[in-house]
Amino acid sequence: MIDWTHWHNEPVLIGGLIFLGWLYAILTGPLREKLAPGTPYPRGHACRFYAALLIFYLAVGSPLDQLGERFLLSAHMLQHQLIIYPAAVLFLLGLPAWLVSPITGRPGLRPLLRFLTNPVVCGVVYTVVLSGWHMPLLYDLALQNRPIHILEHFTMFGAALFYWWPIISPSKEFPPLAYGWHLLYLPAVVIGMTPVFAYITFSPDVLYPTYEYAPRITSLDAAGDQLLAGSMMKLIGMGVSGLTFAVSFYRWYQQSENRR
């Protein structure tokens, strides 16, 4: 059964998060005068950045991970939603423009970064990575192999950063899309994710053996759990995209009014 007191403390997970937190503290603290002379400490950005690290750890290091790894596909799906939405969004919102400029402002990297930050590339990377990991062979392999499971979560987080970059890019050199383009980009990604949602939700078979033979700890059988997980993928994704779409539409409308 589930050990609700077990929290993961793998060196890769804990060490990686501590390193990111330490690096951010050094760059925004002692090294800030070299990177952005006269700039005050970005307190708001820091709160968002460290909140992203905390949410990421809660998603993959708390007992929720054990629940999703051994018992419920819906719990595993919740992990993914936490990584893709609040963790990735807060991570990008936690980066001041002057902190990313030493990388995005390098002339030698501009052709590569221009390609990688193209909204079509960002949407395709996100769709392909998430859809690929939800194929039964890879998904169940990740559940059976801890290093691959860690790789799954880190690549999903990376793909989520690609997804959100055209919307909330912190870079002056590669800024977010104009609000009007948000209204095309967001629905396009939702449409791109529809096949994997339909595959999971409407499959007549239980797709993942781990969950098919897992002990039942809720009233849901494996098929019902799979239906719930697929519905969560689509409804949460559409909800977040819809809210972002509404905010972008409102700001686009405001800009249009101000031009008159």
C-alpha atoms as a PDB file:
ATOM      1  CA  MET A   1       0.000   0.000   0.000  1.00  0.00           C
ATOM      2  CA  ILE A   2       0.940   3.665  -0.114  1.00  0.00           C
ATOM      3  CA  ASP A   3       3.437   5.037   2.378  1.00  0.00           C
ATOM      4  CA  TRP A   4       2.137   8.577   2.831  1.00  0.00           C
ATOM      5  CA  THR A   5       5.279   9.506   4.768  1.00  0.00           C
ATOM      6  CA  HIS A   6       7.670   8.658   1.925  1.00  0.00           C
ATOM      7  CA  TRP A   7       9.217  11.582   0.064  1.00  0.00           C
ATOM      8  CA  HIS A   8      11.816  11.014  -2.633  1.00  0.00           C
ATOM      9  CA  ASN A   9      15.355  12.151  -1.888  1.00  0.00           C
ATOM     10  CA  GLU A  10      17.261  10.947  -4.946  1.00  0.00           C
ATOM     11  CA  PRO A  11      20.498  12.914  -5.515  1.00  0.00           C
ATOM     12  CA  VAL A  12      19.497  13.784  -9.091  1.00  0.00           C
ATOM     13  CA  LEU A  13      16.157  15.282  -8.009  1.00  0.00           C
ATOM     14  CA  ILE A  14      17.182  16.975  -4.758  1.00  0.00           C
ATOM     15  CA  GLY A  15      20.627  17.945  -6.008  1.00  0.00           C
ATOM     16  CA  GLY A  16      19.244  19.343  -9.243  1.00  0.00           C
ATOM     17  CA  LEU A  17      16.630  21.481  -7.510  1.00  0.00           C
ATOM     18  CA  ILE A  18      19.110  22.722  -4.901  1.00  0.00           C
ATOM     19  CA  PHE A  19      21.622  23.559  -7.637  1.00  0.00           C
ATOM     20  CA  LEU A  20      19.022  25.544  -9.603  1.00  0.00           C
ATOM     21  CA  GLY A  21      17.968  27.408  -6.461  1.00  0.00           C
ATOM     22  CA  TRP A  22      21.595  28.124  -5.528  1.00  0.00           C
ATOM     23  CA  LEU A  23      22.493  29.261  -9.055  1.00  0.00           C
ATOM     24  CA  TYR A  24      19.490  31.592  -9.175  1.00  0.00           C
ATOM     25  CA  ALA A  25      20.418  33.054  -5.769  1.00  0.00           C
ATOM     26  CA  ILE A  26      24.012  33.686  -6.897  1.00  0.00           C
ATOM     27  CA  LEU A  27      23.042  35.250 -10.221  1.00  0.00           C
ATOM     28  CA  THR A  28      20.326  37.490  -8.769  1.00  0.00           C
ATOM     29  CA  GLY A  29      22.353  38.315  -5.644  1.00  0.00           C
ATOM     30  CA  PRO A  30      26.151  38.708  -5.649  1.00  0.00           C
ATOM     31  CA  LEU A  31      26.461  38.684  -9.449  1.00  0.00           C
ATOM     32  CA  ARG A  32      23.512  40.990 -10.148  1.00  0.00           C
ATOM     33  CA  GLU A  33      25.673  44.119 -10.321  1.00  0.00           C
ATOM     34  CA  LYS A  34      27.748  42.548 -13.098  1.00  0.00           C
ATOM     35  CA  LEU A  35      24.746  41.334 -15.077  1.00  0.00           C
ATOM     36  CA  ALA A  36      22.453  44.329 -14.570  1.00  0.00           C
ATOM     37  CA  PRO A  37      24.126  47.240 -12.727  1.00  0.00           C
ATOM     38  CA  GLY A  38      21.755  49.257 -10.571  1.00  0.00           C
ATOM     39  CA  THR A  39      18.920  46.744 -10.855  1.00  0.00           C
ATOM     40  CA  PRO A  40      17.156  46.007  -7.540  1.00  0.00           C
ATOM     41  CA  TYR A  41      16.737  42.455  -6.336  1.00  0.00           C
ATOM     42  CA  PRO A  42      13.863  40.898  -8.341  1.00  0.00           C
ATOM     43  CA  ARG A  43      11.795  39.834  -5.350  1.00  0.00           C
ATOM     44  CA  GLY A  44       8.649  39.041  -7.347  1.00  0.00           C
ATOM     45  CA  HIS A  45      10.578  37.026  -9.907  1.00  0.00           C
ATOM     46  CA  ALA A  46      12.371  35.119  -7.159  1.00  0.00           C
ATOM     47  CA  CYS A  47       9.111  34.192  -5.434  1.00  0.00           C
ATOM     48  CA  ARG A  48       7.757  32.786  -8.696  1.00  0.00           C
ATOM     49  CA  PHE A  49      10.982  30.918  -9.503  1.00  0.00           C
ATOM     50  CA  TYR A  50      11.233  29.216  -6.118  1.00  0.00           C
ATOM     51  CA  ALA A  51       7.509  28.449  -6.194  1.00  0.00           C
ATOM     52  CA  ALA A  52       8.147  26.623  -9.494  1.00  0.00           C
ATOM     53  CA  LEU A  53      10.877  24.507  -7.886  1.00  0.00           C
ATOM     54  CA  LEU A  54       8.613  23.719  -4.940  1.00  0.00           C
ATOM     55  CA  ILE A  55       5.701  22.674  -7.164  1.00  0.00           C
ATOM     56  CA  PHE A  56       8.008  20.525  -9.265  1.00  0.00           C
ATOM     57  CA  TYR A  57       9.218  18.745  -6.136  1.00  0.00           C
ATOM     58  CA  LEU A  58       5.684  18.288  -4.816  1.00  0.00           C
ATOM     59  CA  ALA A  59       4.730  16.749  -8.163  1.00  0.00           C
ATOM     60  CA  VAL A  60       7.585  14.250  -8.441  1.00  0.00           C
ATOM     61  CA  GLY A  61       8.978  13.952  -4.905  1.00  0.00           C
ATOM     62  CA  SER A  62       5.898  13.734  -2.706  1.00  0.00           C
ATOM     63  CA  PRO A  63       3.780  10.599  -2.049  1.00  0.00           C
ATOM     64  CA  LEU A  64       1.815  11.619  -5.171  1.00  0.00           C
ATOM     65  CA  ASP A  65       4.684  10.097  -7.168  1.00  0.00           C
ATOM     66  CA  GLN A  66       4.259   6.708  -5.488  1.00  0.00           C
ATOM     67  CA  LEU A  67       0.512   6.904  -6.039  1.00  0.00           C
ATOM     68  CA  GLY A  68       0.980   7.635  -9.735  1.00  0.00           C
ATOM     69  CA  GLU A  69       3.838   5.208 -10.271  1.00  0.00           C
ATOM     70  CA  ARG A  70       2.186   2.132  -8.746  1.00  0.00           C
ATOM     71  CA  PHE A  71      -1.565   2.588  -8.498  1.00  0.00           C
ATOM     72  CA  LEU A  72      -3.412   5.272 -10.481  1.00  0.00           C
ATOM     73  CA  LEU A  73      -2.931   6.630 -13.984  1.00  0.00           C
ATOM     74  CA  SER A  74      -5.038   9.639 -12.957  1.00  0.00           C
ATOM     75  CA  ALA A  75      -2.540  10.461 -10.188  1.00  0.00           C
ATOM     76  CA  HIS A  76       0.302  10.208 -12.691  1.00  0.00           C
ATOM     77  CA  MET A  77      -1.615  12.510 -15.022  1.00  0.00           C
ATOM     78  CA  LEU A  78      -1.997  15.025 -12.184  1.00  0.00           C
ATOM     79  CA  GLN A  79       1.779  14.997 -11.777  1.00  0.00           C
ATOM     80  CA  HIS A  80       2.165  15.861 -15.433  1.00  0.00           C
ATOM     81  CA  GLN A  81      -0.342  18.711 -15.210  1.00  0.00           C
ATOM     82  CA  LEU A  82       1.526  20.208 -12.239  1.00  0.00           C
ATOM     83  CA  ILE A  83       4.798  20.042 -14.175  1.00  0.00           C
ATOM     84  CA  ILE A  84       3.380  21.412 -17.434  1.00  0.00           C
ATOM     85  CA  TYR A  85       1.277  24.253 -16.098  1.00  0.00           C
ATOM     86  CA  PRO A  86       2.112  25.902 -12.749  1.00  0.00           C
ATOM     87  CA  ALA A  87       5.735  24.711 -12.528  1.00  0.00           C
ATOM     88  CA  ALA A  88       6.726  25.633 -16.097  1.00  0.00           C
ATOM     89  CA  VAL A  89       4.764  28.908 -16.112  1.00  0.00           C
ATOM     90  CA  LEU A  90       6.196  30.100 -12.784  1.00  0.00           C
ATOM     91  CA  PHE A  91       9.695  29.055 -13.857  1.00  0.00           C
ATOM     92  CA  LEU A  92       9.584  31.311 -16.931  1.00  0.00           C
ATOM     93  CA  LEU A  93       7.870  34.126 -15.041  1.00  0.00           C
ATOM     94  CA  GLY A  94      10.636  33.893 -12.461  1.00  0.00           C
ATOM     95  CA  LEU A  95      13.377  34.773 -14.944  1.00  0.00           C
ATOM     96  CA  PRO A  96      14.116  38.514 -15.328  1.00  0.00           C
ATOM     97  CA  ALA A  97      15.008  39.584 -18.861  1.00  0.00           C
ATOM     98  CA  TRP A  98      18.525  40.581 -17.796  1.00  0.00           C
ATOM     99  CA  LEU A  99      19.121  37.087 -16.425  1.00  0.00           C
ATOM    100  CA  VAL A 100      18.514  35.336 -19.747  1.00  0.00           C
ATOM    101  CA  SER A 101      20.125  38.008 -21.952  1.00  0.00           C
ATOM    102  CA  PRO A 102      23.679  36.637 -21.549  1.00  0.00           C
ATOM    103  CA  ILE A 103      22.425  33.556 -23.426  1.00  0.00           C
ATOM    104  CA  THR A 104      19.699  34.881 -25.714  1.00  0.00           C
ATOM    105  CA  GLY A 105      21.786  37.943 -26.579  1.00  0.00           C
ATOM    106  CA  ARG A 106      24.765  36.006 -27.916  1.00  0.00           C
ATOM    107  CA  PRO A 107      25.072  36.692 -31.689  1.00  0.00           C
ATOM    108  CA  GLY A 108      26.443  33.216 -32.355  1.00  0.00           C
ATOM    109  CA  LEU A 109      23.373  31.566 -30.812  1.00  0.00           C
ATOM    110  CA  ARG A 110      20.750  33.736 -32.477  1.00  0.00           C
ATOM    111  CA  PRO A 111      20.121  31.566 -35.571  1.00  0.00           C
ATOM    112  CA  LEU A 112      19.641  28.455 -33.405  1.00  0.00           C
ATOM    113  CA  LEU A 113      17.517  30.264 -30.816  1.00  0.00           C
ATOM    114  CA  ARG A 114      15.422  31.925 -33.520  1.00  0.00           C
ATOM    115  CA  PHE A 115      14.638  28.455 -34.854  1.00  0.00           C
ATOM    116  CA  LEU A 116      13.996  26.895 -31.439  1.00  0.00           C
ATOM    117  CA  THR A 117      11.715  29.723 -30.276  1.00  0.00           C
ATOM    118  CA  ASN A 118       9.644  29.736 -33.458  1.00  0.00           C
ATOM    119  CA  PRO A 119       6.065  29.087 -32.303  1.00  0.00           C
ATOM    120  CA  VAL A 120       5.609  26.258 -34.803  1.00  0.00           C
ATOM    121  CA  VAL A 121       8.726  24.512 -33.466  1.00  0.00           C
ATOM    122  CA  CYS A 122       7.655  25.131 -29.859  1.00  0.00           C
ATOM    123  CA  GLY A 123       4.190  23.705 -30.456  1.00  0.00           C
ATOM    124  CA  VAL A 124       5.535  20.677 -32.335  1.00  0.00           C
ATOM    125  CA  VAL A 125       8.167  19.905 -29.670  1.00  0.00           C
ATOM    126  CA  TYR A 126       5.549  20.041 -26.932  1.00  0.00           C
ATOM    127  CA  THR A 127       3.036  17.916 -28.830  1.00  0.00           C
ATOM    128  CA  VAL A 128       5.552  15.287 -29.958  1.00  0.00           C
ATOM    129  CA  VAL A 129       7.256  14.897 -26.562  1.00  0.00           C
ATOM    130  CA  LEU A 130       4.029  14.565 -24.575  1.00  0.00           C
ATOM    131  CA  SER A 131       2.336  12.357 -27.140  1.00  0.00           C
ATOM    132  CA  GLY A 132       5.405  10.142 -27.427  1.00  0.00           C
ATOM    133  CA  TRP A 133       5.700   9.558 -23.693  1.00  0.00           C
ATOM    134  CA  HIS A 134       2.037   8.516 -23.531  1.00  0.00           C
ATOM    135  CA  MET A 135       2.542   5.669 -25.971  1.00  0.00           C
ATOM    136  CA  PRO A 136       2.150   2.385 -24.009  1.00  0.00           C
ATOM    137  CA  LEU A 137       5.682   1.072 -24.596  1.00  0.00           C
ATOM    138  CA  LEU A 138       7.448   4.226 -23.368  1.00  0.00           C
ATOM    139  CA  TYR A 139       4.930   4.997 -20.634  1.00  0.00           C
ATOM    140  CA  ASP A 140       5.115   1.567 -19.040  1.00  0.00           C
ATOM    141  CA  LEU A 141       8.894   1.467 -19.461  1.00  0.00           C
ATOM    142  CA  ALA A 142       9.117   4.687 -17.458  1.00  0.00           C
ATOM    143  CA  LEU A 143       6.943   3.163 -14.730  1.00  0.00           C
ATOM    144  CA  GLN A 144       9.230   0.131 -14.478  1.00  0.00           C
ATOM    145  CA  ASN A 145      12.573   1.962 -14.707  1.00  0.00           C
ATOM    146  CA  ARG A 146      13.277   4.789 -12.264  1.00  0.00           C
ATOM    147  CA  PRO A 147      15.953   6.634 -14.324  1.00  0.00           C
ATOM    148  CA  ILE A 148      13.663   6.610 -17.358  1.00  0.00           C
ATOM    149  CA  HIS A 149      10.802   7.860 -15.193  1.00  0.00           C
ATOM    150  CA  ILE A 150      12.980  10.767 -14.069  1.00  0.00           C
ATOM    151  CA  LEU A 151      13.916  11.420 -17.704  1.00  0.00           C
ATOM    152  CA  GLU A 152      10.224  11.404 -18.628  1.00  0.00           C
ATOM    153  CA  HIS A 153       9.384  14.104 -16.108  1.00  0.00           C
ATOM    154  CA  PHE A 154      12.363  16.316 -16.960  1.00  0.00           C
ATOM    155  CA  THR A 155      11.694  16.120 -20.700  1.00  0.00           C
ATOM    156  CA  MET A 156       8.021  16.912 -20.119  1.00  0.00           C
ATOM    157  CA  PHE A 157       9.070  19.967 -18.111  1.00  0.00           C
ATOM    158  CA  GLY A 158      11.437  21.005 -20.894  1.00  0.00           C
ATOM    159  CA  ALA A 159       8.702  20.539 -23.500  1.00  0.00           C
ATOM    160  CA  ALA A 160       6.381  22.659 -21.357  1.00  0.00           C
ATOM    161  CA  LEU A 161       8.957  25.470 -21.376  1.00  0.00           C
ATOM    162  CA  PHE A 162       8.889  25.305 -25.181  1.00  0.00           C
ATOM    163  CA  TYR A 163       5.086  25.426 -25.121  1.00  0.00           C
ATOM    164  CA  TRP A 164       4.911  28.503 -22.907  1.00  0.00           C
ATOM    165  CA  TRP A 165       7.843  30.415 -24.429  1.00  0.00           C
ATOM    166  CA  PRO A 166       5.830  32.081 -27.248  1.00  0.00           C
ATOM    167  CA  ILE A 167       3.305  33.248 -24.636  1.00  0.00           C
ATOM    168  CA  ILE A 168       5.460  34.417 -21.697  1.00  0.00           C
ATOM    169  CA  SER A 169       9.037  34.546 -22.978  1.00  0.00           C
ATOM    170  CA  PRO A 170      11.282  36.466 -20.555  1.00  0.00           C
ATOM    171  CA  SER A 171      13.717  37.391 -23.359  1.00  0.00           C
ATOM    172  CA  LYS A 172      13.972  40.818 -24.968  1.00  0.00           C
ATOM    173  CA  GLU A 173      15.791  39.309 -27.945  1.00  0.00           C
ATOM    174  CA  PHE A 174      13.110  36.652 -28.506  1.00  0.00           C
ATOM    175  CA  PRO A 175       9.992  38.215 -26.977  1.00  0.00           C
ATOM    176  CA  PRO A 176       6.508  36.704 -26.705  1.00  0.00           C
ATOM    177  CA  LEU A 177       4.217  36.663 -29.699  1.00  0.00           C
ATOM    178  CA  ALA A 178       1.829  39.568 -30.173  1.00  0.00           C
ATOM    179  CA  TYR A 179      -1.486  38.894 -28.421  1.00  0.00           C
ATOM    180  CA  GLY A 180      -3.302  38.376 -31.684  1.00  0.00           C
ATOM    181  CA  TRP A 181      -1.020  35.456 -32.544  1.00  0.00           C
ATOM    182  CA  HIS A 182      -1.782  33.869 -29.156  1.00  0.00           C
ATOM    183  CA  LEU A 183      -5.323  33.381 -30.448  1.00  0.00           C
ATOM    184  CA  LEU A 184      -3.994  31.099 -33.183  1.00  0.00           C
ATOM    185  CA  TYR A 185      -1.154  29.410 -31.305  1.00  0.00           C
ATOM    186  CA  LEU A 186      -3.133  28.222 -28.283  1.00  0.00           C
ATOM    187  CA  PRO A 187      -5.987  26.501 -30.199  1.00  0.00           C
ATOM    188  CA  ALA A 188      -3.438  24.946 -32.586  1.00  0.00           C
ATOM    189  CA  VAL A 189      -1.642  23.233 -29.695  1.00  0.00           C
ATOM    190  CA  VAL A 190      -4.942  22.067 -28.193  1.00  0.00           C
ATOM    191  CA  ILE A 191      -5.851  20.531 -31.553  1.00  0.00           C
ATOM    192  CA  GLY A 192      -2.392  18.959 -31.815  1.00  0.00           C
ATOM    193  CA  MET A 193      -2.859  17.256 -28.448  1.00  0.00           C
ATOM    194  CA  THR A 194      -6.318  15.912 -29.309  1.00  0.00           C
ATOM    195  CA  PRO A 195      -5.166  12.581 -30.843  1.00  0.00           C
ATOM    196  CA  VAL A 196      -3.303  11.442 -27.710  1.00  0.00           C
ATOM    197  CA  PHE A 197      -6.223  12.547 -25.530  1.00  0.00           C
ATOM    198  CA  ALA A 198      -8.653  10.586 -27.688  1.00  0.00           C
ATOM    199  CA  TYR A 199      -6.319   7.587 -27.736  1.00  0.00           C
ATOM    200  CA  ILE A 200      -6.197   7.402 -23.927  1.00  0.00           C
ATOM    201  CA  THR A 201      -9.778   8.379 -23.198  1.00  0.00           C
ATOM    202  CA  PHE A 202     -11.667   6.336 -25.776  1.00  0.00           C
ATOM    203  CA  SER A 203      -9.486   3.248 -26.020  1.00  0.00           C
ATOM    204  CA  PRO A 204     -11.580   0.093 -25.491  1.00  0.00           C
ATOM    205  CA  ASP A 205      -8.564  -1.511 -23.809  1.00  0.00           C
ATOM    206  CA  VAL A 206      -6.511  -0.646 -20.744  1.00  0.00           C
ATOM    207  CA  LEU A 207      -3.358   0.722 -22.365  1.00  0.00           C
ATOM    208  CA  TYR A 208      -0.835   0.410 -19.549  1.00  0.00           C
ATOM    209  CA  PRO A 209      -0.247  -3.006 -17.913  1.00  0.00           C
ATOM    210  CA  THR A 210       1.077  -1.435 -14.707  1.00  0.00           C
ATOM    211  CA  TYR A 211      -2.322   0.076 -13.976  1.00  0.00           C
ATOM    212  CA  GLU A 212      -4.310  -2.844 -15.336  1.00  0.00           C
ATOM    213  CA  TYR A 213      -2.814  -5.155 -12.702  1.00  0.00           C
ATOM    214  CA  ALA A 214      -2.296  -2.593  -9.922  1.00  0.00           C
ATOM    215  CA  PRO A 215      -4.129  -3.058  -6.600  1.00  0.00           C
ATOM    216  CA  ARG A 216      -7.333  -1.037  -6.646  1.00  0.00           C
ATOM    217  CA  ILE A 217      -7.224   1.613  -3.939  1.00  0.00           C
ATOM    218  CA  THR A 218     -10.311   3.532  -5.124  1.00  0.00           C
ATOM    219  CA  SER A 219     -13.717   2.554  -6.426  1.00  0.00           C
ATOM    220  CA  LEU A 220     -12.472   3.016  -9.993  1.00  0.00           C
ATOM    221  CA  ASP A 221     -11.389   0.018 -12.008  1.00  0.00           C
ATOM    222  CA  ALA A 222      -8.435   0.330 -14.412  1.00  0.00           C
ATOM    223  CA  ALA A 223     -10.660   1.365 -17.335  1.00  0.00           C
ATOM    224  CA  GLY A 224     -12.415   4.025 -15.276  1.00  0.00           C
ATOM    225  CA  ASP A 225      -9.093   5.337 -13.993  1.00  0.00           C
ATOM    226  CA  GLN A 226      -7.845   5.577 -17.587  1.00  0.00           C
ATOM    227  CA  LEU A 227     -10.974   7.455 -18.636  1.00  0.00           C
ATOM    228  CA  LEU A 228     -10.502   9.876 -15.743  1.00  0.00           C
ATOM    229  CA  ALA A 229      -6.830  10.408 -16.642  1.00  0.00           C
ATOM    230  CA  GLY A 230      -7.601  11.127 -20.283  1.00  0.00           C
ATOM    231  CA  SER A 231     -10.383  13.513 -19.303  1.00  0.00           C
ATOM    232  CA  MET A 232      -8.020  15.311 -16.919  1.00  0.00           C
ATOM    233  CA  MET A 233      -5.469  15.703 -19.693  1.00  0.00           C
ATOM    234  CA  LYS A 234      -7.979  17.356 -22.003  1.00  0.00           C
ATOM    235  CA  LEU A 235     -10.119  19.325 -19.556  1.00  0.00           C
ATOM    236  CA  ILE A 236      -7.236  20.781 -17.549  1.00  0.00           C
ATOM    237  CA  GLY A 237      -5.319  21.547 -20.729  1.00  0.00           C
ATOM    238  CA  MET A 238      -8.325  23.211 -22.340  1.00  0.00           C
ATOM    239  CA  GLY A 239      -9.108  25.083 -19.133  1.00  0.00           C
ATOM    240  CA  VAL A 240      -5.611  26.550 -18.852  1.00  0.00           C
ATOM    241  CA  SER A 241      -5.443  27.298 -22.577  1.00  0.00           C
ATOM    242  CA  GLY A 242      -8.916  28.812 -22.494  1.00  0.00           C
ATOM    243  CA  LEU A 243      -8.034  31.092 -19.596  1.00  0.00           C
ATOM    244  CA  THR A 244      -4.822  32.154 -21.332  1.00  0.00           C
ATOM    245  CA  PHE A 245      -6.764  32.686 -24.560  1.00  0.00           C
ATOM    246  CA  ALA A 246      -9.274  34.918 -22.735  1.00  0.00           C
ATOM    247  CA  VAL A 247      -6.521  37.027 -21.143  1.00  0.00           C
ATOM    248  CA  SER A 248      -4.721  37.376 -24.493  1.00  0.00           C
ATOM    249  CA  PHE A 249      -7.945  38.296 -26.275  1.00  0.00           C
ATOM    250  CA  TYR A 250      -8.715  40.968 -23.670  1.00  0.00           C
ATOM    251  CA  ARG A 251      -5.234  42.483 -23.964  1.00  0.00           C
ATOM    252  CA  TRP A 252      -5.372  42.316 -27.754  1.00  0.00           C
ATOM    253  CA  TYR A 253      -8.736  44.102 -27.656  1.00  0.00           C
ATOM    254  CA  GLN A 254      -7.335  46.765 -25.326  1.00  0.00           C
ATOM    255  CA  GLN A 255      -4.399  47.376 -27.650  1.00  0.00           C
ATOM    256  CA  SER A 256      -6.772  47.674 -30.613  1.00  0.00           C
ATOM    257  CA  GLU A 257      -8.876  50.216 -28.730  1.00  0.00           C
ATOM    258  CA  ASN A 258      -5.825  52.240 -27.718  1.00  0.00           C
ATOM    259  CA  ARG A 259      -4.728  52.531 -31.358  1.00  0.00           C
ATOM    260  CA  ARG A 260      -7.991  54.222 -32.350  1.00  0.00           C
END
